[in-house]
Amino acid sequence: MKRKEDRPISKHTLNLYAGQLDKLQELHPRLGAAKVIRTLIEDHIRSVAEGAAQRFEPIPEANVELKEIL
């Protein structure tokens, strides 16, 4: 049974090794292979973004008003 997602979904072609999609479906029959793949990708994107945020310090905001510069 398809479940409604909380965000819009767009369709893409994904090349996997033979048997991978079937194995994911077998491992997660209620959730479904497509949902597992979306979750893996989302977790990876979040992990990379958090790692980048830790490597780079945010630029502090200048506490100067425009009229002070002019």
Protein backbone atom coordinates (compact mmCIF):
# COMPACT_ATOMS: atom_id res chain seq x y z
CA MET A 1 0.00 0.00 0.00
CA LYS A 2 1.44 3.36 -1.02
CA ARG A 3 1.83 5.93 1.71
CA LYS A 4 1.68 9.65 1.23
CA GLU A 5 4.99 11.44 1.56
CA ASP A 6 5.35 14.68 3.49
CA ARG A 7 7.27 16.32 0.62
CA PRO A 8 6.82 16.23 -3.16
CA ILE A 9 8.51 13.35 -4.96
CA SER A 10 10.04 13.50 -8.42
CA LYS A 11 10.76 10.41 -10.47
CA HIS A 12 14.35 9.56 -11.46
CA THR A 13 16.15 6.60 -12.95
CA LEU A 14 18.67 4.99 -10.63
CA ASN A 15 21.10 2.32 -11.76
CA LEU A 16 21.70 -0.29 -9.08
CA TYR A 17 23.59 -3.56 -9.14
CA ALA A 18 21.57 -6.62 -10.06
CA GLY A 19 19.50 -7.85 -7.12
CA GLN A 20 19.94 -4.77 -4.91
CA LEU A 21 16.42 -3.44 -5.37
CA ASP A 22 14.92 -6.89 -4.75
CA LYS A 23 17.06 -7.32 -1.62
CA LEU A 24 15.96 -3.93 -0.23
CA GLN A 25 12.34 -4.85 -0.89
CA GLU A 26 12.89 -8.20 0.83
CA LEU A 27 14.54 -6.53 3.85
CA HIS A 28 11.89 -3.80 4.14
CA PRO A 29 8.61 -5.14 2.73
CA ARG A 30 6.34 -2.69 4.58
CA LEU A 31 8.48 0.37 3.99
CA GLY A 32 9.48 -0.42 0.42
CA ALA A 33 12.77 -0.15 -1.43
CA ALA A 34 12.05 3.32 -2.84
CA LYS A 35 11.44 4.78 0.63
CA VAL A 36 14.62 3.15 1.94
CA ILE A 37 16.63 4.65 -0.92
CA ARG A 38 15.11 8.12 -0.35
CA THR A 39 15.93 7.88 3.36
CA LEU A 40 19.52 6.76 2.70
CA ILE A 41 20.05 9.68 0.31
CA GLU A 42 18.46 12.18 2.71
CA ASP A 43 20.63 10.94 5.60
CA HIS A 44 23.75 11.17 3.43
CA ILE A 45 22.96 14.74 2.35
CA ARG A 46 22.32 15.77 5.96
CA SER A 47 25.54 14.09 7.13
CA VAL A 48 27.66 15.83 4.48
CA ALA A 49 26.05 19.20 5.23
CA GLU A 50 26.65 18.81 8.97
CA GLY A 51 30.27 17.82 8.35
CA ALA A 52 30.81 20.88 6.17
CA ALA A 53 29.21 23.10 8.80
CA GLN A 54 31.62 21.76 11.43
CA ARG A 55 34.67 22.39 9.21
CA PHE A 56 33.80 25.99 8.44
CA GLU A 57 33.05 28.57 11.09
CA PRO A 58 30.20 30.91 10.23
CA ILE A 59 31.19 34.45 9.32
CA PRO A 60 30.23 36.72 12.21
CA GLU A 61 27.75 39.41 11.32
CA ALA A 62 29.10 42.93 11.34
CA ASN A 63 27.47 45.06 13.99
CA VAL A 64 27.85 48.28 12.01
CA GLU A 65 25.05 50.46 10.72
CA LEU A 66 25.21 51.77 7.17
CA LYS A 67 25.19 55.43 8.30
CA GLU A 68 28.40 54.82 10.28
CA ILE A 69 30.18 53.77 7.08
CA LEU A 70 28.93 56.72 5.03
